Amino acid sequence: MADEFIKGLGLFSGAGLAWMVLAGWYRTESFESSRQLIAAPPEPNTVFDAVGIFLNDVFFWTAIVGALTFWVLIPALRQVRDSTSPA
């Protein structure tokens, strides 16, 4: 169980940090705004902007789905498998 927890925590922390960095670059209009990190992204001017905005969403969903997979889905599937196995 501890290995699933640390894998989920690693995904959540790593992808969450990457999301916060990219959201700070692309989704923060001003630091006085109350919509920091959640504002709509600007239109990409370069390929690098487009990749950064795309990776912003990828890292967000990796943090959410990765943590839920290792913290909820895998332990639940193991619990079901152990409860239905004849022994």
C-alpha atoms as a PDB file:
ATOM      1  CA  MET A   1       0.000   0.000   0.000  1.00  0.00           C
ATOM      2  CA  ALA A   2       2.831   2.399   0.744  1.00  0.00           C
ATOM      3  CA  ASP A   3       4.234   2.100  -2.763  1.00  0.00           C
ATOM      4  CA  GLU A   4       0.886   3.105  -4.309  1.00  0.00           C
ATOM      5  CA  PHE A   5       0.678   6.069  -1.973  1.00  0.00           C
ATOM      6  CA  ILE A   6       4.134   7.358  -2.831  1.00  0.00           C
ATOM      7  CA  LYS A   7       3.566   6.845  -6.571  1.00  0.00           C
ATOM      8  CA  GLY A   8       0.336   8.839  -6.355  1.00  0.00           C
ATOM      9  CA  LEU A   9       2.013  11.506  -4.255  1.00  0.00           C
ATOM     10  CA  GLY A  10       4.903  11.725  -6.714  1.00  0.00           C
ATOM     11  CA  LEU A  11       2.557  12.143  -9.671  1.00  0.00           C
ATOM     12  CA  PHE A  12       0.429  14.661  -7.800  1.00  0.00           C
ATOM     13  CA  SER A  13       3.427  16.690  -6.622  1.00  0.00           C
ATOM     14  CA  GLY A  14       5.442  16.587  -9.836  1.00  0.00           C
ATOM     15  CA  ALA A  15       2.599  17.201 -12.256  1.00  0.00           C
ATOM     16  CA  GLY A  16       1.039  19.729  -9.878  1.00  0.00           C
ATOM     17  CA  LEU A  17       4.278  21.703  -9.698  1.00  0.00           C
ATOM     18  CA  ALA A  18       4.641  21.663 -13.481  1.00  0.00           C
ATOM     19  CA  TRP A  19       1.001  22.759 -13.839  1.00  0.00           C
ATOM     20  CA  MET A  20       1.491  25.635 -11.384  1.00  0.00           C
ATOM     21  CA  VAL A  21       4.600  26.870 -13.223  1.00  0.00           C
ATOM     22  CA  LEU A  22       2.932  26.779 -16.642  1.00  0.00           C
ATOM     23  CA  ALA A  23      -0.312  28.232 -15.285  1.00  0.00           C
ATOM     24  CA  GLY A  24       1.695  31.049 -13.728  1.00  0.00           C
ATOM     25  CA  TRP A  25       3.222  31.802 -17.120  1.00  0.00           C
ATOM     26  CA  TYR A  26       0.183  31.407 -19.337  1.00  0.00           C
ATOM     27  CA  ARG A  27      -2.910  31.864 -17.154  1.00  0.00           C
ATOM     28  CA  THR A  28      -1.987  34.786 -14.908  1.00  0.00           C
ATOM     29  CA  GLU A  29      -2.907  38.125 -16.426  1.00  0.00           C
ATOM     30  CA  SER A  30      -1.735  40.159 -13.447  1.00  0.00           C
ATOM     31  CA  PHE A  31      -0.686  39.349  -9.927  1.00  0.00           C
ATOM     32  CA  GLU A  32      -3.355  41.653  -8.502  1.00  0.00           C
ATOM     33  CA  SER A  33      -6.101  39.608 -10.168  1.00  0.00           C
ATOM     34  CA  SER A  34      -8.322  37.235  -8.223  1.00  0.00           C
ATOM     35  CA  ARG A  35      -8.296  34.820 -11.195  1.00  0.00           C
ATOM     36  CA  GLN A  36      -4.656  33.774 -11.011  1.00  0.00           C
ATOM     37  CA  LEU A  37      -3.903  30.317 -12.466  1.00  0.00           C
ATOM     38  CA  ILE A  38      -7.478  29.857 -13.755  1.00  0.00           C
ATOM     39  CA  ALA A  39      -7.871  32.615 -16.335  1.00  0.00           C
ATOM     40  CA  ALA A  40      -8.338  31.658 -19.955  1.00  0.00           C
ATOM     41  CA  PRO A  41      -5.023  31.153 -21.746  1.00  0.00           C
ATOM     42  CA  PRO A  42      -4.012  33.671 -24.404  1.00  0.00           C
ATOM     43  CA  GLU A  43      -3.854  32.863 -28.087  1.00  0.00           C
ATOM     44  CA  PRO A  44      -0.488  31.234 -28.763  1.00  0.00           C
ATOM     45  CA  ASN A  45       1.895  33.408 -30.765  1.00  0.00           C
ATOM     46  CA  THR A  46       4.553  30.754 -31.281  1.00  0.00           C
ATOM     47  CA  VAL A  47       4.825  26.993 -31.362  1.00  0.00           C
ATOM     48  CA  PHE A  48       6.393  27.093 -27.902  1.00  0.00           C
ATOM     49  CA  ASP A  49       3.365  28.950 -26.525  1.00  0.00           C
ATOM     50  CA  ALA A  50       1.052  26.347 -28.048  1.00  0.00           C
ATOM     51  CA  VAL A  51       3.092  23.508 -26.553  1.00  0.00           C
ATOM     52  CA  GLY A  52       3.165  25.218 -23.151  1.00  0.00           C
ATOM     53  CA  ILE A  53      -0.591  25.763 -23.115  1.00  0.00           C
ATOM     54  CA  PHE A  54      -1.165  22.150 -24.202  1.00  0.00           C
ATOM     55  CA  LEU A  55       1.204  20.814 -21.527  1.00  0.00           C
ATOM     56  CA  ASN A  56      -0.578  22.940 -18.947  1.00  0.00           C
ATOM     57  CA  ASP A  57      -3.734  20.879 -19.434  1.00  0.00           C
ATOM     58  CA  VAL A  58      -1.774  17.620 -19.675  1.00  0.00           C
ATOM     59  CA  PHE A  59      -0.024  18.208 -16.348  1.00  0.00           C
ATOM     60  CA  PHE A  60      -3.282  19.217 -14.653  1.00  0.00           C
ATOM     61  CA  TRP A  61      -5.080  16.037 -15.682  1.00  0.00           C
ATOM     62  CA  THR A  62      -2.018  13.890 -14.987  1.00  0.00           C
ATOM     63  CA  ALA A  63      -1.965  15.180 -11.418  1.00  0.00           C
ATOM     64  CA  ILE A  64      -5.670  14.507 -10.878  1.00  0.00           C
ATOM     65  CA  VAL A  65      -6.043  11.178 -12.687  1.00  0.00           C
ATOM     66  CA  GLY A  66      -2.662   9.847 -11.563  1.00  0.00           C
ATOM     67  CA  ALA A  67      -3.325  10.483  -7.885  1.00  0.00           C
ATOM     68  CA  LEU A  68      -6.840   9.037  -8.068  1.00  0.00           C
ATOM     69  CA  THR A  69      -5.543   5.970  -9.894  1.00  0.00           C
ATOM     70  CA  PHE A  70      -2.922   5.113  -7.296  1.00  0.00           C
ATOM     71  CA  TRP A  71      -4.907   6.227  -4.230  1.00  0.00           C
ATOM     72  CA  VAL A  72      -8.384   4.949  -5.113  1.00  0.00           C
ATOM     73  CA  LEU A  73      -8.609   2.779  -8.222  1.00  0.00           C
ATOM     74  CA  ILE A  74      -5.709   0.346  -7.718  1.00  0.00           C
ATOM     75  CA  PRO A  75      -6.442  -0.311  -3.996  1.00  0.00           C
ATOM     76  CA  ALA A  76     -10.148  -0.777  -4.780  1.00  0.00           C
ATOM     77  CA  LEU A  77      -9.386  -3.248  -7.573  1.00  0.00           C
ATOM     78  CA  ARG A  78      -7.047  -5.193  -5.290  1.00  0.00           C
ATOM     79  CA  GLN A  79      -9.707  -5.254  -2.588  1.00  0.00           C
ATOM     80  CA  VAL A  80     -12.284  -6.599  -5.034  1.00  0.00           C
ATOM     81  CA  ARG A  81      -9.842  -9.157  -6.422  1.00  0.00           C
ATOM     82  CA  ASP A  82      -8.898 -10.385  -2.935  1.00  0.00           C
ATOM     83  CA  SER A  83     -12.519 -10.611  -1.794  1.00  0.00           C
ATOM     84  CA  THR A  84     -13.621 -12.643  -4.817  1.00  0.00           C
ATOM     85  CA  SER A  85     -10.677 -15.054  -4.992  1.00  0.00           C
ATOM     86  CA  PRO A  86     -11.388 -18.509  -3.525  1.00  0.00           C
ATOM     87  CA  ALA A  87      -9.033 -19.212  -0.640  1.00  0.00           C
END
